[in-house]
Amino acid sequence: MIVTILGCGTGIPSLQHHAPGYLLEVAGLRFLIDCGSGTLLQLERLQKPFHTLDGVWITHTHADHIGELTALVHALRLPGLPRSTPFYLFGPAGFIPFFEQIVAPVAAAPDKFPFFVAEVAEHHSLAGVTVRTTPVLHSDRFESRSYRFEHAGKSVVFSGDCDEDPRLLALATGADLLILDCSTLADNKVKGHLSAKEAGWLAAQAGVKRMVASHLYPINAPEEARLAECRLHYSGPLQLAEDLLSVVV
């Protein structure tokens, strides 16, 4: 499995970090996890264009996580697109009406290949890839999901946006790689997100083999302070996310 961070930022525009988006390559498949602003251009920079994707897994429908989803669906409908394989678009509870009311009116679904839109269950299997998911605390208005992808004895967990939640701890237990919300320092915690201190505690309790701190709000301190807070609890391999960073699992 290879994870490439397309954007590790937030809803705050930044020249350093694009909005949230991750490319997961596993078992010959390419999946996006979230599709924030800048995601499609990042794929072009990697020479892995949008039409080579097999699907998208949306954690939740805040604007910074779905900012280019409509553009992606529209692009997939372009005539002459070199693909015939199915495309899967998964999201949390309420995602189907979101797609029908927000996306479809301005970006009709592709009709030259199978295109599936679905709300996630607790467990999926695609081409030998197992996907487990759980709702997590983030927003009072709609559901947010974390995802765990497993293949050939390896596992990657994407927290999405989340606060402290035992369900995420259970999902992440023993993961080879955890891409974790690490939004702020502890003294400036944002409701619905993990501080660096909380993120480090969760990673330690889950016994993950490697942690990448992502969803990085600007902080009034050197970025090393974010890592230092994580280190209060987590002693395993740790690094800050960077746009276009790739991690092999």
Protein backbone atom coordinates (compact mmCIF):
# COMPACT_ATOMS: atom_id res chain seq x y z
CA MET A 1 0.00 0.00 0.00
CA ILE A 2 1.13 3.54 -0.77
CA VAL A 3 -0.46 6.64 0.75
CA THR A 4 0.25 10.02 -0.85
CA ILE A 5 -0.90 13.14 0.93
CA LEU A 6 -2.47 15.48 -1.60
CA GLY A 7 -3.51 18.02 1.01
CA CYS A 8 -2.93 18.09 4.75
CA GLY A 9 -4.46 21.49 5.47
CA THR A 10 -7.87 22.71 6.53
CA GLY A 11 -10.59 25.04 5.30
CA ILE A 12 -8.19 27.98 5.68
CA PRO A 13 -6.60 28.79 2.28
CA SER A 14 -2.86 28.19 2.36
CA LEU A 15 0.04 28.25 -0.09
CA GLN A 16 1.73 25.57 2.00
CA HIS A 17 -1.06 23.02 2.47
CA HIS A 18 -3.93 22.14 0.17
CA ALA A 19 -7.29 21.17 1.64
CA PRO A 20 -7.69 17.55 2.81
CA GLY A 21 -7.18 14.79 0.29
CA TYR A 22 -5.25 11.52 0.21
CA LEU A 23 -4.42 9.02 -2.52
CA LEU A 24 -4.36 5.36 -1.50
CA GLU A 25 -2.86 2.85 -3.95
CA VAL A 26 -3.59 -0.74 -2.98
CA ALA A 27 -4.02 -4.03 -4.85
CA GLY A 28 -3.90 -2.29 -8.21
CA LEU A 29 -6.61 0.19 -7.19
CA ARG A 30 -6.46 3.94 -6.66
CA PHE A 31 -8.77 5.56 -4.13
CA LEU A 32 -9.15 9.11 -2.92
CA ILE A 33 -9.97 9.66 0.70
CA ASP A 34 -11.68 13.06 0.64
CA CYS A 35 -11.48 15.50 -2.24
CA GLY A 36 -10.65 18.99 -1.01
CA SER A 37 -9.65 21.99 -3.10
CA GLY A 38 -6.49 21.32 -5.09
CA THR A 39 -6.84 17.55 -5.06
CA LEU A 40 -7.22 17.13 -8.82
CA LEU A 41 -4.22 19.31 -9.64
CA GLN A 42 -2.13 17.35 -7.15
CA LEU A 43 -3.06 14.16 -8.99
CA GLU A 44 -1.88 15.77 -12.23
CA ARG A 45 1.42 16.68 -10.58
CA LEU A 46 1.84 13.02 -9.66
CA GLN A 47 0.96 12.01 -13.25
CA LYS A 48 -1.89 9.94 -11.83
CA PRO A 49 -4.86 11.75 -13.36
CA PHE A 50 -8.43 11.70 -12.14
CA HIS A 51 -9.69 9.20 -14.71
CA THR A 52 -7.34 6.53 -13.31
CA LEU A 53 -9.13 6.57 -9.95
CA ASP A 54 -11.32 3.66 -8.93
CA GLY A 55 -13.29 5.57 -6.33
CA VAL A 56 -13.56 8.11 -3.53
CA TRP A 57 -14.29 7.63 0.15
CA ILE A 58 -15.65 10.81 1.76
CA THR A 59 -15.22 11.16 5.53
CA HIS A 60 -17.81 13.94 5.86
CA THR A 61 -19.32 16.74 3.82
CA HIS A 62 -17.67 19.84 5.26
CA ALA A 63 -16.60 22.05 2.35
CA ASP A 64 -12.86 21.58 2.85
CA HIS A 65 -13.25 17.82 2.37
CA ILE A 66 -15.50 17.84 -0.71
CA GLY A 67 -14.44 21.09 -2.41
CA GLU A 68 -13.52 19.41 -5.72
CA LEU A 69 -15.92 16.49 -5.64
CA THR A 70 -18.35 18.20 -8.02
CA ALA A 71 -15.50 19.03 -10.41
CA LEU A 72 -14.34 15.40 -10.31
CA VAL A 73 -17.80 14.02 -11.12
CA HIS A 74 -18.16 16.55 -13.95
CA ALA A 75 -14.74 15.63 -15.38
CA LEU A 76 -15.59 11.92 -15.30
CA ARG A 77 -18.42 12.61 -17.75
CA LEU A 78 -16.17 14.12 -20.42
CA PRO A 79 -16.55 12.40 -23.82
CA GLY A 80 -13.78 10.07 -24.89
CA LEU A 81 -12.52 9.45 -21.37
CA PRO A 82 -10.25 6.37 -21.47
CA ARG A 83 -11.99 4.20 -18.89
CA SER A 84 -14.66 1.51 -18.73
CA THR A 85 -14.21 0.14 -15.22
CA PRO A 86 -16.64 0.96 -12.39
CA PHE A 87 -16.24 4.05 -10.25
CA TYR A 88 -17.29 3.95 -6.59
CA LEU A 89 -18.26 6.98 -4.53
CA PHE A 90 -18.81 6.27 -0.84
CA GLY A 91 -19.80 8.63 1.95
CA PRO A 92 -21.31 8.73 5.44
CA ALA A 93 -24.99 8.59 6.37
CA GLY A 94 -26.87 11.24 4.41
CA PHE A 95 -24.41 11.16 1.52
CA ILE A 96 -26.92 10.02 -1.11
CA PRO A 97 -29.28 12.99 -0.61
CA PHE A 98 -26.22 15.26 -0.44
CA PHE A 99 -25.10 13.94 -3.82
CA GLU A 100 -28.58 14.22 -5.33
CA GLN A 101 -29.24 17.75 -4.04
CA ILE A 102 -25.79 19.37 -4.20
CA VAL A 103 -23.59 17.53 -6.70
CA ALA A 104 -25.94 16.06 -9.32
CA PRO A 105 -27.73 19.32 -10.26
CA VAL A 106 -24.46 20.81 -11.52
CA ALA A 107 -22.48 17.66 -12.39
CA ALA A 108 -24.52 14.81 -13.81
CA ALA A 109 -23.23 11.33 -13.05
CA PRO A 110 -21.14 9.62 -15.76
CA ASP A 111 -23.07 7.32 -18.08
CA LYS A 112 -20.31 5.59 -20.12
CA PHE A 113 -19.19 3.25 -17.32
CA PRO A 114 -20.74 1.94 -14.09
CA PHE A 115 -20.93 4.70 -11.48
CA PHE A 116 -22.03 3.85 -7.95
CA VAL A 117 -22.94 6.24 -5.13
CA ALA A 118 -23.50 4.68 -1.72
CA GLU A 119 -23.53 5.35 1.99
CA VAL A 120 -20.94 3.24 3.76
CA ALA A 121 -21.68 0.20 5.87
CA GLU A 122 -19.42 -0.98 8.69
CA HIS A 123 -17.55 -3.33 6.35
CA HIS A 124 -16.78 -3.44 2.62
CA SER A 125 -14.63 -5.62 0.39
CA LEU A 126 -13.36 -4.57 -3.04
CA ALA A 127 -10.87 -6.63 -5.06
CA GLY A 128 -9.46 -8.20 -1.92
CA VAL A 129 -9.23 -4.90 -0.04
CA THR A 130 -11.16 -4.87 3.23
CA VAL A 131 -12.54 -1.52 4.36
CA ARG A 132 -13.82 -1.06 7.89
CA THR A 133 -15.39 2.16 9.04
CA THR A 134 -16.94 3.79 12.07
CA PRO A 135 -18.75 7.04 12.81
CA VAL A 136 -16.72 9.44 14.95
CA LEU A 137 -17.36 12.63 16.89
CA HIS A 138 -16.93 15.77 14.83
CA SER A 139 -20.11 17.63 13.85
CA ASP A 140 -23.54 17.87 15.46
CA ARG A 141 -25.15 18.36 12.02
CA PHE A 142 -24.06 15.33 10.04
CA GLU A 143 -22.13 12.09 10.32
CA SER A 144 -18.36 11.87 10.05
CA ARG A 145 -16.51 8.63 9.35
CA SER A 146 -13.06 7.16 9.86
CA TYR A 147 -11.79 4.45 7.50
CA ARG A 148 -9.45 1.47 7.88
CA PHE A 149 -8.11 -0.22 4.73
CA GLU A 150 -6.58 -3.69 5.02
CA HIS A 151 -4.76 -5.77 2.42
CA ALA A 152 -2.12 -8.52 2.52
CA GLY A 153 -1.66 -8.18 6.27
CA LYS A 154 -1.15 -4.40 6.21
CA SER A 155 -3.50 -1.67 7.40
CA VAL A 156 -3.93 2.09 7.03
CA VAL A 157 -6.39 4.21 9.01
CA PHE A 158 -7.63 7.67 8.01
CA SER A 159 -9.27 9.46 10.93
CA GLY A 160 -10.83 12.29 8.96
CA ASP A 161 -11.90 15.10 11.27
CA CYS A 162 -12.58 13.84 14.77
CA ASP A 163 -12.52 14.58 18.46
CA GLU A 164 -11.60 12.07 21.16
CA ASP A 165 -13.67 8.97 20.48
CA PRO A 166 -13.25 5.37 21.67
CA ARG A 167 -14.65 4.16 18.34
CA LEU A 168 -11.67 5.61 16.49
CA LEU A 169 -9.33 4.09 19.07
CA ALA A 170 -10.85 0.67 18.41
CA LEU A 171 -10.67 1.10 14.63
CA ALA A 172 -7.03 2.22 14.73
CA THR A 173 -5.76 -0.47 17.10
CA GLY A 174 -2.65 -2.13 15.71
CA ALA A 175 -2.67 -0.21 12.42
CA ASP A 176 0.54 -0.04 10.42
CA LEU A 177 -0.15 3.61 9.58
CA LEU A 178 -2.51 6.15 11.14
CA ILE A 179 -3.18 9.42 9.32
CA LEU A 180 -4.57 11.41 12.22
CA ASP A 181 -6.31 14.73 12.83
CA CYS A 182 -3.74 16.82 14.72
CA SER A 183 -5.33 20.21 14.27
CA THR A 184 -3.91 22.40 17.02
CA LEU A 185 -1.87 22.57 20.18
CA ALA A 186 -3.59 21.65 23.43
CA ASP A 187 -3.98 25.24 24.63
CA ASN A 188 -5.89 26.18 21.48
CA LYS A 189 -8.07 23.09 21.00
CA VAL A 190 -10.89 23.32 18.47
CA LYS A 191 -14.09 21.44 19.29
CA GLY A 192 -14.57 18.46 17.00
CA HIS A 193 -10.84 18.03 16.39
CA LEU A 194 -7.90 16.46 18.17
CA SER A 195 -5.13 18.53 19.68
CA ALA A 196 -1.59 17.26 19.17
CA LYS A 197 -1.51 16.00 22.75
CA GLU A 198 -4.77 14.09 22.29
CA ALA A 199 -3.59 12.71 18.96
CA GLY A 200 -0.40 11.37 20.51
CA TRP A 201 -2.38 9.75 23.33
CA LEU A 202 -4.74 8.04 20.89
CA ALA A 203 -1.89 6.76 18.73
CA ALA A 204 -0.12 5.38 21.80
CA GLN A 205 -3.23 3.70 23.18
CA ALA A 206 -4.01 2.18 19.78
CA GLY A 207 -0.48 0.83 19.45
CA VAL A 208 -0.11 2.05 15.88
CA LYS A 209 3.19 1.35 14.17
CA ARG A 210 3.47 4.77 12.53
CA MET A 211 1.62 8.06 12.82
CA VAL A 212 1.38 10.98 10.41
CA ALA A 213 -0.07 14.17 11.92
CA SER A 214 -2.42 15.88 9.46
CA HIS A 215 -5.26 18.41 9.14
CA LEU A 216 -2.84 21.11 10.25
CA TYR A 217 -4.33 24.40 11.35
CA PRO A 218 -1.86 27.30 11.49
CA ILE A 219 -0.35 27.55 14.98
CA ASN A 220 1.50 30.43 16.64
CA ALA A 221 4.54 28.29 17.30
CA PRO A 222 7.13 26.28 15.36
CA GLU A 223 5.71 23.09 13.91
CA GLU A 224 8.13 21.18 16.15
CA ALA A 225 5.81 22.14 19.02
CA ARG A 226 3.08 20.03 17.46
CA LEU A 227 5.38 17.03 17.35
CA ALA A 228 6.56 17.69 20.91
CA GLU A 229 2.98 17.51 22.17
CA CYS A 230 2.43 14.24 20.32
CA ARG A 231 5.61 12.92 21.94
CA LEU A 232 4.16 13.43 25.41
CA HIS A 233 2.40 10.11 24.80
CA TYR A 234 3.48 8.52 21.51
CA SER A 235 7.02 7.20 21.10
CA GLY A 236 6.69 5.42 17.76
CA PRO A 237 7.62 6.67 14.28
CA LEU A 238 6.01 10.09 13.83
CA GLN A 239 6.07 12.84 11.25
CA LEU A 240 4.14 15.89 10.20
CA ALA A 241 2.17 15.56 7.00
CA GLU A 242 3.39 17.44 3.95
CA ASP A 243 1.65 17.87 0.63
CA LEU A 244 2.84 15.20 -1.83
CA LEU A 245 4.53 13.15 0.88
CA SER A 246 4.24 9.42 0.08
CA VAL A 247 4.37 6.67 2.69
CA VAL A 248 4.84 3.01 1.78
CA VAL A 249 3.15 0.51 4.08
